[in-house]
Amino acid sequence: MNELLVLMSFANSHHYSTVENTHLV
């Protein structure tokens, strides 16, 4: 379960980072 939480957290961080990048551009 910990692995799943880590994957979910990583996916969320990457998603938000991409959104911020797109918003900047």
N, C-alpha and C. Protein backbone atom coordinates (compact mmCIF):
# COMPACT_ATOMS: atom_id res chain seq x y z
N MET A 1 0.85 -1.21 0.00
CA MET A 1 0.00 0.00 0.00
C MET A 1 0.88 1.25 0.00
N ASN A 2 1.99 1.18 0.69
CA ASN A 2 2.88 2.34 0.71
C ASN A 2 3.35 2.67 -0.70
N GLU A 3 3.67 1.62 -1.47
CA GLU A 3 4.13 1.85 -2.84
C GLU A 3 3.06 2.58 -3.65
N LEU A 4 1.81 2.18 -3.44
CA LEU A 4 0.71 2.83 -4.17
C LEU A 4 0.62 4.30 -3.79
N LEU A 5 0.76 4.58 -2.50
CA LEU A 5 0.68 5.97 -2.04
C LEU A 5 1.81 6.79 -2.67
N VAL A 6 2.98 6.20 -2.73
CA VAL A 6 4.13 6.90 -3.32
C VAL A 6 3.86 7.19 -4.79
N LEU A 7 3.33 6.18 -5.49
CA LEU A 7 3.05 6.37 -6.93
C LEU A 7 2.00 7.45 -7.12
N MET A 8 0.97 7.43 -6.28
CA MET A 8 -0.09 8.43 -6.39
C MET A 8 0.47 9.83 -6.12
N SER A 9 1.30 9.94 -5.09
CA SER A 9 1.90 11.23 -4.74
C SER A 9 2.78 11.72 -5.88
N PHE A 10 3.59 10.82 -6.44
CA PHE A 10 4.48 11.19 -7.54
C PHE A 10 3.67 11.64 -8.75
N ALA A 11 2.59 10.90 -9.05
CA ALA A 11 1.74 11.25 -10.20
C ALA A 11 1.12 12.62 -9.98
N ASN A 12 0.63 12.88 -8.77
CA ASN A 12 0.01 14.18 -8.47
C ASN A 12 1.03 15.30 -8.62
N SER A 13 2.23 15.10 -8.09
CA SER A 13 3.27 16.13 -8.17
C SER A 13 3.60 16.41 -9.62
N HIS A 14 3.75 15.36 -10.42
CA HIS A 14 4.08 15.53 -11.84
C HIS A 14 2.94 16.25 -12.56
N HIS A 15 1.70 15.88 -12.22
CA HIS A 15 0.54 16.49 -12.87
C HIS A 15 0.49 17.98 -12.56
N TYR A 16 0.63 18.33 -11.29
CA TYR A 16 0.57 19.73 -10.91
C TYR A 16 1.72 20.51 -11.55
N SER A 17 2.89 19.88 -11.61
CA SER A 17 4.05 20.54 -12.21
C SER A 17 3.77 20.83 -13.68
N THR A 18 3.17 19.85 -14.37
CA THR A 18 2.87 20.03 -15.79
C THR A 18 1.84 21.14 -15.97
N VAL A 19 0.84 21.16 -15.10
CA VAL A 19 -0.20 22.19 -15.19
C VAL A 19 0.42 23.57 -15.00
N GLU A 20 1.31 23.69 -14.03
CA GLU A 20 1.95 24.98 -13.78
C GLU A 20 2.79 25.39 -14.98
N ASN A 21 3.49 24.42 -15.57
CA ASN A 21 4.30 24.71 -16.75
C ASN A 21 3.42 25.22 -17.89
N THR A 22 2.31 24.53 -18.12
CA THR A 22 1.40 24.93 -19.20
C THR A 22 0.83 26.31 -18.92
N HIS A 23 0.50 26.57 -17.66
CA HIS A 23 -0.07 27.87 -17.29
C HIS A 23 0.97 28.97 -17.52
N LEU A 24 2.22 28.68 -17.19
CA LEU A 24 3.28 29.67 -17.38
C LEU A 24 3.40 30.00 -18.86
N VAL A 25 3.39 28.97 -19.68
CA VAL A 25 3.54 29.18 -21.13
C VAL A 25 2.23 29.77 -21.66
